[in-house]
Amino acid sequence: MFNDKVLVCKDCGNEFTFSASEQEFFAEKGFTNEPGRCPQCRAAKKAQSRSNHRGGFGRQERQMYPAVCSSCGKETTVPFQPTGEKPVYCRDCYQPRSRNSW
């Protein structure tokens, strides 16, 4: 039998209730640790994690390098340092090549 417990959030320091029904749910799922965050901080942490995976906050911008397209001669940028050993293509010239190489 479970009883409501009052816990302290490790992020905001506020007290929150870990209800008997939540404890039962945790036990059914096999969770052995009590929640360390209140529902509001848990939701904020989950939202932050989602935005990081979707290219939001915390994502590093990809470094781009200047190049000249080997096909049309147009100036472009690419996500790698061109060495001159292999051809480099702009977006317009690269896409038809990648589709035709199947």
Protein backbone atom coordinates (compact mmCIF):
# COMPACT_ATOMS: atom_id res chain seq x y z
CA MET A 1 0.00 0.00 0.00
CA PHE A 2 1.33 3.40 -0.99
CA ASN A 3 0.89 6.74 0.82
CA ASP A 4 1.36 10.26 -0.54
CA LYS A 5 4.89 11.60 0.02
CA VAL A 6 6.12 15.18 0.02
CA LEU A 7 9.39 15.54 -1.94
CA VAL A 8 11.63 18.52 -2.69
CA CYS A 9 12.43 19.39 -6.32
CA LYS A 10 16.17 19.33 -7.05
CA ASP A 11 15.80 22.15 -9.62
CA CYS A 12 13.52 24.75 -8.03
CA GLY A 13 13.58 23.62 -4.38
CA ASN A 14 9.78 23.62 -4.08
CA GLU A 15 7.92 20.82 -2.34
CA PHE A 16 5.62 18.61 -4.39
CA THR A 17 3.46 15.58 -3.66
CA PHE A 18 4.43 12.16 -4.98
CA SER A 19 0.94 10.68 -4.82
CA ALA A 20 0.10 7.09 -3.93
CA SER A 21 -1.24 6.54 -7.47
CA GLU A 22 1.99 7.89 -8.99
CA GLN A 23 4.01 5.60 -6.71
CA GLU A 24 1.89 2.65 -7.83
CA PHE A 25 2.45 3.61 -11.48
CA PHE A 26 6.22 3.88 -10.90
CA ALA A 27 6.21 0.43 -9.25
CA GLU A 28 4.24 -1.12 -12.14
CA LYS A 29 6.77 0.28 -14.62
CA GLY A 30 9.68 -1.06 -12.57
CA PHE A 31 11.03 2.39 -11.67
CA THR A 32 13.03 2.22 -8.45
CA ASN A 33 13.85 5.92 -7.98
CA GLU A 34 11.48 8.60 -6.79
CA PRO A 35 11.10 11.64 -9.06
CA GLY A 36 13.69 14.32 -8.36
CA ARG A 37 11.80 17.14 -10.08
CA CYS A 38 8.36 18.63 -9.55
CA PRO A 39 5.85 18.24 -12.44
CA GLN A 40 6.57 21.78 -13.71
CA CYS A 41 10.36 21.29 -13.78
CA ARG A 42 9.93 17.82 -15.30
CA ALA A 43 7.82 19.32 -18.12
CA ALA A 44 10.35 22.12 -18.67
CA LYS A 45 13.24 19.62 -18.79
CA LYS A 46 11.33 17.44 -21.29
CA ALA A 47 10.53 20.46 -23.49
CA GLN A 48 14.18 21.56 -23.43
CA SER A 49 15.31 18.06 -24.37
CA ARG A 50 12.87 17.97 -27.29
CA SER A 51 14.02 21.34 -28.60
CA ASN A 52 17.65 20.18 -28.47
CA HIS A 53 16.81 17.16 -30.61
CA ARG A 54 14.97 19.26 -33.16
CA GLY A 55 17.78 21.70 -33.76
CA GLY A 56 16.73 24.21 -31.13
CA PHE A 57 18.75 25.55 -28.25
CA GLY A 58 22.14 24.03 -27.63
CA ARG A 59 22.70 22.81 -31.15
CA GLN A 60 25.99 23.84 -32.65
CA GLU A 61 25.84 25.52 -36.01
CA ARG A 62 27.53 23.49 -38.75
CA GLN A 63 30.68 25.14 -40.06
CA MET A 64 30.52 25.86 -43.77
CA TYR A 65 33.46 26.42 -46.13
CA PRO A 66 33.60 28.49 -49.34
CA ALA A 67 34.02 26.58 -52.59
CA VAL A 68 33.57 26.93 -56.34
CA CYS A 69 31.28 24.43 -58.07
CA SER A 70 33.25 22.09 -60.33
CA SER A 71 30.33 21.89 -62.75
CA CYS A 72 28.97 25.44 -63.20
CA GLY A 73 31.70 27.57 -61.56
CA LYS A 74 29.27 29.23 -59.15
CA GLU A 75 30.51 30.20 -55.66
CA THR A 76 28.92 28.09 -52.93
CA THR A 77 29.48 26.80 -49.41
CA VAL A 78 29.90 23.19 -48.33
CA PRO A 79 29.98 21.47 -44.90
CA PHE A 80 33.56 20.18 -45.36
CA GLN A 81 36.96 21.66 -46.10
CA PRO A 82 37.56 21.18 -49.86
CA THR A 83 41.02 19.76 -50.57
CA GLY A 84 41.01 20.11 -54.36
CA GLU A 85 41.45 16.36 -54.84
CA LYS A 86 37.76 15.71 -55.61
CA PRO A 87 35.14 17.81 -57.39
CA VAL A 88 32.83 20.00 -55.32
CA TYR A 89 29.32 20.83 -56.49
CA CYS A 90 26.78 23.50 -55.59
CA ARG A 91 23.33 22.38 -54.43
CA ASP A 92 21.80 22.77 -57.90
CA CYS A 93 24.49 20.67 -59.62
CA TYR A 94 24.81 18.08 -56.83
CA GLN A 95 21.13 17.05 -56.55
CA PRO A 96 20.73 15.80 -60.15
CA ARG A 97 24.00 13.84 -59.79
CA SER A 98 22.93 12.14 -56.56
CA ARG A 99 19.57 11.09 -58.06
CA ASN A 100 21.22 9.70 -61.24
CA SER A 101 23.76 7.61 -59.37
CA TRP A 102 21.17 5.08 -58.14
